Amino acid sequence: MTTTTAGTEASDAARTVFLLAHTGRPAAIRSAELVVQGLLRSGIGVRVLAAEAADLPLPPSVELVAEASPDVLDGCELLVVLGGDGTLLRGAEFARASGVPMLGVNLGRVGFLAEAERDDLDKVVDRVVTRAYEVEERMTLDVIVHNNGTVVHTDWALNEAAVQKVSPERMLEVVLEIDGRPVTGFGCDGIVCATPTGSTAYAFSAGGPVVWPEVEALLMVPISAHALFAKPLVTSPDSVLAVEVQPHTPHGVLWCDGRRTVELPAGARVEVRRGAVPVRLARLHHASFTDRLVAKFALPVAGWRGAPN
């Protein structure tokens, strides 16, 4: 994970911020209205997807673009995303494709990818206007699916790539491999391959460890495995993880960030490695990840006295 500071110098070029919102939530619509008004008052242009514009109270000066366009973020200095985890992961797709930093405002429950909460909207606008934020790069995953020796699908993930069973009455039989060597095999509900960013998402729910974002590593976490050795594994960021679906098992399915899916026939092989393209996140706070973890999960820390003076 690398961190850079946004420039604070004045620029003669017109500034534009891309806004992405979960328009199905009234809170997101109101939040979007406040953010748009604040940015426009400060002379910063706002760009929004045309498909979302009908649900948002936008003035005529807001630029509308079609989602199908591959260059929707061209010329934008920041992507502001308003919503829950699903909306933030949708925003990550735009951020990765464009290289534009994403600033998430959480309107959902946990929102580990978000940098601000709904009550912080005024602060968010002020920090954007003054460029008072830092940008950090988060590791991603590149995912390749092989079948009969042929690459049949490629994908990526910010949080995790999960191989899961489809049939509720039968387990998925898999063999795990790390760096070209077999580790173990078992029947299970699935396997989660995750980044440190994704360690607090699906991997955490499956019993995996919480990994601090600055730790560069890959995680492999079994889901309900029927085996003695079925513990979460943490490997080098340069390792290549593989999950082989056994030929005699029912077919499975691959989910990337819970958003993109592809069927895995029996005998399929899924390879996961460090992604070539990171996702850039805008950060407003210097609070440690430890404090973020405590706040997001409301962890009990009463009685803590700290290190002696």
Protein backbone atom coordinates (compact mmCIF):
# COMPACT_ATOMS: atom_id res chain seq x y z
CA MET A 1 0.00 0.00 0.00
CA THR A 2 1.50 3.34 -1.07
CA THR A 3 0.32 6.80 -0.06
CA THR A 4 0.64 10.14 -1.81
CA THR A 5 -0.62 13.61 -0.94
CA ALA A 6 -3.06 15.46 -3.18
CA GLY A 7 -1.70 18.72 -4.54
CA THR A 8 -2.93 21.88 -2.84
CA GLU A 9 -1.63 24.38 -5.38
CA ALA A 10 -4.08 26.44 -7.38
CA SER A 11 -4.80 25.23 -10.88
CA ASP A 12 -5.98 27.21 -13.87
CA ALA A 13 -7.65 24.16 -15.35
CA ALA A 14 -11.32 23.52 -14.70
CA ARG A 15 -11.83 21.00 -11.94
CA THR A 16 -14.37 18.18 -12.19
CA VAL A 17 -15.54 15.57 -9.70
CA PHE A 18 -17.43 12.44 -10.72
CA LEU A 19 -20.34 11.52 -8.42
CA LEU A 20 -21.68 7.99 -8.07
CA ALA A 21 -24.63 7.33 -5.75
CA HIS A 22 -27.01 4.59 -4.67
CA THR A 23 -30.10 6.35 -5.99
CA GLY A 24 -32.42 3.72 -4.53
CA ARG A 25 -31.87 5.17 -1.06
CA PRO A 26 -33.49 8.47 -0.02
CA ALA A 27 -30.44 9.20 2.16
CA ALA A 28 -28.18 8.89 -0.87
CA ILE A 29 -30.36 11.24 -2.92
CA ARG A 30 -30.28 13.90 -0.22
CA SER A 31 -26.55 13.41 0.32
CA ALA A 32 -25.90 13.71 -3.41
CA GLU A 33 -27.84 16.95 -3.50
CA LEU A 34 -25.76 18.42 -0.67
CA VAL A 35 -22.46 17.35 -2.24
CA VAL A 36 -23.41 18.70 -5.68
CA GLN A 37 -24.51 22.04 -4.26
CA GLY A 38 -21.32 22.40 -2.22
CA LEU A 39 -19.01 21.59 -5.12
CA LEU A 40 -20.81 23.84 -7.61
CA ARG A 41 -20.73 26.77 -5.16
CA SER A 42 -16.96 26.36 -5.04
CA GLY A 43 -16.61 26.39 -8.81
CA ILE A 44 -15.99 22.67 -9.20
CA GLY A 45 -17.84 20.89 -11.97
CA VAL A 46 -19.81 17.71 -11.29
CA ARG A 47 -20.27 14.78 -13.65
CA VAL A 48 -22.97 12.11 -13.13
CA LEU A 49 -24.14 9.04 -15.01
CA ALA A 50 -27.16 9.82 -17.13
CA ALA A 51 -28.87 6.67 -15.85
CA GLU A 52 -28.77 8.07 -12.30
CA ALA A 53 -29.64 11.66 -13.15
CA ALA A 54 -33.40 11.07 -13.30
CA ASP A 55 -33.41 10.05 -9.63
CA LEU A 56 -31.28 12.96 -8.42
CA PRO A 57 -32.27 16.63 -7.97
CA LEU A 58 -29.52 18.03 -10.20
CA PRO A 59 -29.16 21.54 -11.61
CA PRO A 60 -28.67 21.95 -15.38
CA SER A 61 -24.96 22.71 -14.95
CA VAL A 62 -24.21 19.10 -13.95
CA GLU A 63 -22.61 17.15 -16.79
CA LEU A 64 -24.32 13.88 -17.74
CA VAL A 65 -22.47 10.96 -19.34
CA ALA A 66 -23.47 7.50 -20.51
CA GLU A 67 -22.23 4.59 -18.39
CA ALA A 68 -21.35 2.62 -21.50
CA SER A 69 -18.59 5.08 -22.36
CA PRO A 70 -15.11 3.76 -21.47
CA ASP A 71 -13.82 7.25 -20.67
CA VAL A 72 -16.53 8.51 -18.29
CA LEU A 73 -13.93 9.71 -15.75
CA ASP A 74 -11.58 11.39 -18.23
CA GLY A 75 -10.60 14.79 -16.85
CA CYS A 76 -11.97 14.09 -13.35
CA GLU A 77 -9.68 14.52 -10.36
CA LEU A 78 -11.79 12.50 -7.94
CA LEU A 79 -14.61 9.95 -7.79
CA VAL A 80 -17.00 10.53 -4.87
CA VAL A 81 -19.18 7.51 -4.07
CA LEU A 82 -22.25 7.68 -1.80
CA GLY A 83 -23.70 4.39 -0.60
CA GLY A 84 -23.08 1.09 1.12
CA ASP A 85 -20.46 -1.58 0.46
CA GLY A 86 -22.04 -2.67 -2.82
CA THR A 87 -22.02 0.87 -4.21
CA LEU A 88 -18.44 1.38 -3.06
CA LEU A 89 -17.35 -1.79 -4.85
CA ARG A 90 -19.16 -0.57 -7.95
CA GLY A 91 -17.22 2.67 -7.61
CA ALA A 92 -13.99 0.68 -7.31
CA GLU A 93 -14.63 -0.69 -10.80
CA PHE A 94 -14.66 2.86 -12.17
CA ALA A 95 -11.64 3.84 -10.06
CA ARG A 96 -9.52 0.93 -11.23
CA ALA A 97 -10.39 1.42 -14.89
CA SER A 98 -9.60 5.14 -14.79
CA GLY A 99 -6.88 5.48 -12.16
CA VAL A 100 -8.95 8.24 -10.53
CA PRO A 101 -8.93 8.13 -6.69
CA MET A 102 -12.21 7.11 -5.03
CA LEU A 103 -13.56 8.87 -1.95
CA GLY A 104 -16.31 6.82 -0.32
CA VAL A 105 -19.05 8.16 1.95
CA ASN A 106 -20.73 5.35 3.87
CA LEU A 107 -24.52 5.29 3.83
CA GLY A 108 -24.73 1.60 4.72
CA ARG A 109 -23.70 -0.44 7.75
CA VAL A 110 -19.97 -1.18 8.08
CA GLY A 111 -18.39 0.43 5.02
CA PHE A 112 -14.68 -0.32 5.50
CA LEU A 113 -13.90 1.14 2.08
CA ALA A 114 -15.56 4.43 3.00
CA GLU A 115 -13.58 7.35 4.35
CA ALA A 116 -16.49 9.37 5.72
CA GLU A 117 -19.97 8.97 7.14
CA ARG A 118 -23.21 10.72 6.22
CA ASP A 119 -22.73 13.35 8.93
CA ASP A 120 -19.37 14.34 7.43
CA LEU A 121 -20.66 15.67 4.10
CA ASP A 122 -19.70 19.29 4.78
CA LYS A 123 -16.19 18.16 5.69
CA VAL A 124 -16.01 15.99 2.59
CA VAL A 125 -16.88 18.90 0.32
CA ASP A 126 -14.40 21.19 2.08
CA ARG A 127 -11.57 18.66 1.79
CA VAL A 128 -12.31 18.10 -1.89
CA VAL A 129 -12.38 21.83 -2.59
CA THR A 130 -9.07 22.43 -0.81
CA ARG A 131 -7.52 19.15 -2.03
CA ALA A 132 -6.86 18.27 1.62
CA TYR A 133 -6.71 14.52 1.20
CA GLU A 134 -4.14 11.81 0.65
CA VAL A 135 -4.28 9.02 -1.91
CA GLU A 136 -3.29 5.45 -1.13
CA GLU A 137 -3.07 2.50 -3.45
CA ARG A 138 -4.82 -0.71 -2.46
CA MET A 139 -3.71 -4.08 -3.74
CA THR A 140 -6.06 -5.96 -6.07
CA LEU A 141 -6.30 -9.52 -7.41
CA ASP A 142 -6.00 -10.75 -10.97
CA VAL A 143 -8.07 -13.90 -11.54
CA ILE A 144 -7.74 -16.45 -14.36
CA VAL A 145 -10.05 -19.42 -14.94
CA HIS A 146 -8.74 -22.42 -16.89
CA ASN A 147 -10.78 -25.31 -18.27
CA ASN A 148 -9.18 -28.21 -20.11
CA GLY A 149 -5.93 -26.25 -20.33
CA THR A 150 -7.56 -23.20 -21.92
CA VAL A 151 -8.11 -19.77 -20.36
CA VAL A 152 -11.89 -19.31 -20.41
CA HIS A 153 -12.30 -16.25 -18.18
CA THR A 154 -10.25 -13.41 -16.67
CA ASP A 155 -11.36 -11.04 -13.92
CA TRP A 156 -10.12 -8.99 -10.99
CA ALA A 157 -11.15 -8.15 -7.43
CA LEU A 158 -10.43 -5.54 -4.77
CA ASN A 159 -11.78 -7.59 -1.86
CA GLU A 160 -11.91 -11.24 -2.84
CA ALA A 161 -12.36 -13.93 -5.44
CA ALA A 162 -14.58 -16.66 -4.00
CA VAL A 163 -14.99 -20.17 -5.42
CA GLN A 164 -18.32 -21.53 -4.13
CA LYS A 165 -20.57 -24.52 -4.48
CA VAL A 166 -23.84 -24.19 -6.36
CA SER A 167 -25.73 -27.25 -5.18
CA PRO A 168 -26.91 -26.78 -1.56
CA GLU A 169 -27.04 -30.54 -0.90
CA ARG A 170 -23.53 -31.40 -2.13
CA MET A 171 -20.11 -30.10 -1.16
CA LEU A 172 -17.57 -28.76 -3.61
CA GLU A 173 -14.46 -30.97 -3.79
CA VAL A 174 -11.32 -28.91 -4.31
CA VAL A 175 -7.53 -29.10 -4.10
CA LEU A 176 -5.61 -26.01 -3.03
CA GLU A 177 -2.28 -25.04 -4.54
CA ILE A 178 0.27 -22.35 -3.62
CA ASP A 179 3.17 -21.43 -5.88
CA GLY A 180 2.75 -24.49 -8.05
CA ARG A 181 2.66 -27.01 -5.19
CA PRO A 182 -0.43 -28.82 -3.79
CA VAL A 183 -1.33 -27.99 -0.18
CA THR A 184 -4.46 -29.95 0.68
CA GLY A 185 -7.83 -31.06 -0.64
CA PHE A 186 -11.26 -31.38 0.92
CA GLY A 187 -14.98 -30.97 0.50
CA CYS A 188 -16.28 -27.52 1.40
CA ASP A 189 -18.81 -24.81 0.70
CA GLY A 190 -16.10 -22.73 -0.95
CA ILE A 191 -12.73 -20.98 -0.80
CA VAL A 192 -12.14 -17.24 -0.45
CA CYS A 193 -8.95 -15.72 -1.89
CA ALA A 194 -8.64 -12.20 -0.52
CA THR A 195 -6.50 -9.09 -0.28
CA PRO A 196 -5.78 -7.33 3.03
CA THR A 197 -8.56 -4.89 2.05
CA GLY A 198 -10.92 -7.84 1.68
CA SER A 199 -9.86 -9.41 4.98
CA THR A 200 -12.65 -7.48 6.74
CA ALA A 201 -15.28 -8.54 4.20
CA TYR A 202 -16.24 -12.05 3.07
CA ALA A 203 -12.97 -13.55 4.32
CA PHE A 204 -13.69 -12.24 7.81
CA SER A 205 -17.18 -13.75 7.77
CA ALA A 206 -15.65 -17.09 6.76
CA GLY A 207 -13.32 -17.05 9.78
CA GLY A 208 -10.25 -15.46 8.23
CA PRO A 209 -7.85 -13.09 10.00
CA VAL A 210 -8.05 -9.31 9.95
CA VAL A 211 -5.01 -8.05 8.03
CA TRP A 212 -3.89 -4.42 8.29
CA PRO A 213 -3.98 -2.68 4.86
CA GLU A 214 -0.28 -1.84 4.87
CA VAL A 215 0.57 -5.55 5.09
CA GLU A 216 1.17 -6.92 1.61
CA ALA A 217 -0.15 -10.46 1.53
CA LEU A 218 -2.68 -12.81 -0.03
CA LEU A 219 -5.25 -14.79 1.97
CA MET A 220 -6.86 -18.16 1.32
CA VAL A 221 -9.81 -18.94 3.62
CA PRO A 222 -11.86 -22.17 3.44
CA ILE A 223 -15.64 -21.98 3.95
CA SER A 224 -17.12 -24.81 6.03
CA ALA A 225 -14.45 -27.31 5.03
CA HIS A 226 -14.78 -30.97 6.07
CA ALA A 227 -11.12 -31.55 6.94
CA LEU A 228 -8.70 -31.45 9.85
CA PHE A 229 -6.34 -29.06 8.07
CA ALA A 230 -8.62 -26.31 6.86
CA LYS A 231 -7.22 -23.17 8.42
CA PRO A 232 -6.86 -19.74 6.80
CA LEU A 233 -3.54 -19.31 4.99
CA VAL A 234 -1.59 -16.06 4.56
CA THR A 235 1.01 -16.02 1.79
CA SER A 236 3.50 -13.70 0.14
CA PRO A 237 1.97 -11.02 -2.11
CA ASP A 238 4.01 -12.56 -4.93
CA SER A 239 2.52 -16.02 -4.47
CA VAL A 240 0.12 -17.59 -6.96
CA LEU A 241 -2.91 -19.23 -5.36
CA ALA A 242 -4.90 -21.86 -7.20
CA VAL A 243 -8.15 -23.70 -6.51
CA GLU A 244 -8.82 -26.80 -8.59
CA VAL A 245 -12.41 -28.02 -8.77
CA GLN A 246 -12.24 -31.80 -8.87
CA PRO A 247 -13.64 -33.63 -11.94
CA HIS A 248 -16.09 -35.76 -9.93
CA THR A 249 -17.67 -32.85 -8.06
CA PRO A 250 -20.70 -30.76 -9.05
CA HIS A 251 -19.85 -27.53 -10.85
CA GLY A 252 -19.10 -24.42 -8.85
CA VAL A 253 -19.21 -20.67 -9.33
CA LEU A 254 -16.65 -17.89 -9.08
CA TRP A 255 -17.67 -14.56 -7.54
CA CYS A 256 -15.39 -11.52 -7.74
CA ASP A 257 -16.23 -8.90 -5.09
CA GLY A 258 -19.74 -10.35 -4.98
CA ARG A 259 -20.51 -8.46 -8.20
CA ARG A 260 -19.21 -10.46 -11.15
CA THR A 261 -19.76 -14.18 -11.53
CA VAL A 262 -18.89 -17.04 -13.85
CA GLU A 263 -19.76 -20.74 -13.72
CA LEU A 264 -16.94 -23.19 -12.94
CA PRO A 265 -17.42 -26.60 -14.56
CA ALA A 266 -16.05 -29.69 -12.84
CA GLY A 267 -12.30 -29.80 -13.49
CA ALA A 268 -11.94 -26.01 -13.70
CA ARG A 269 -8.87 -24.31 -12.24
CA VAL A 270 -8.89 -20.79 -10.74
CA GLU A 271 -5.59 -18.95 -10.38
CA VAL A 272 -5.31 -15.83 -8.23
CA ARG A 273 -2.32 -13.50 -8.04
CA ARG A 274 -1.54 -9.94 -7.10
CA GLY A 275 -3.29 -7.56 -9.46
CA ALA A 276 -1.29 -5.49 -11.92
CA VAL A 277 -3.57 -2.46 -11.42
CA PRO A 278 -4.32 -1.13 -7.91
CA VAL A 279 -7.35 0.83 -6.76
CA ARG A 280 -6.56 4.33 -5.50
CA LEU A 281 -8.48 5.51 -2.43
CA ALA A 282 -8.69 9.11 -1.20
CA ARG A 283 -8.17 9.43 2.55
CA LEU A 284 -9.25 12.34 4.74
CA HIS A 285 -8.10 11.05 8.10
CA HIS A 286 -4.79 10.01 9.59
CA ALA A 287 -6.50 7.71 12.09
CA SER A 288 -4.90 4.29 12.38
CA PHE A 289 -6.55 1.19 10.99
CA THR A 290 -6.81 -0.01 14.59
CA ASP A 291 -9.11 2.91 15.43
CA ARG A 292 -11.11 2.29 12.27
CA LEU A 293 -11.51 -1.37 13.20
CA VAL A 294 -12.70 -0.52 16.71
CA ALA A 295 -15.18 2.07 15.42
CA LYS A 296 -16.62 -0.04 12.59
CA PHE A 297 -17.21 -3.12 14.76
CA ALA A 298 -17.98 -1.18 17.96
CA LEU A 299 -15.34 -3.23 19.78
CA PRO A 300 -15.27 -3.01 23.61
CA VAL A 301 -12.14 -1.13 24.67
CA ALA A 302 -13.36 0.28 27.99
CA GLY A 303 -10.69 -0.12 30.66
CA TRP A 304 -7.76 0.37 28.27
CA ARG A 305 -5.04 2.44 29.94
CA GLY A 306 -2.34 2.47 27.29
CA ALA A 307 1.42 2.32 27.65
CA PRO A 308 2.89 3.78 30.86
CA ASN A 309 4.48 7.22 30.64
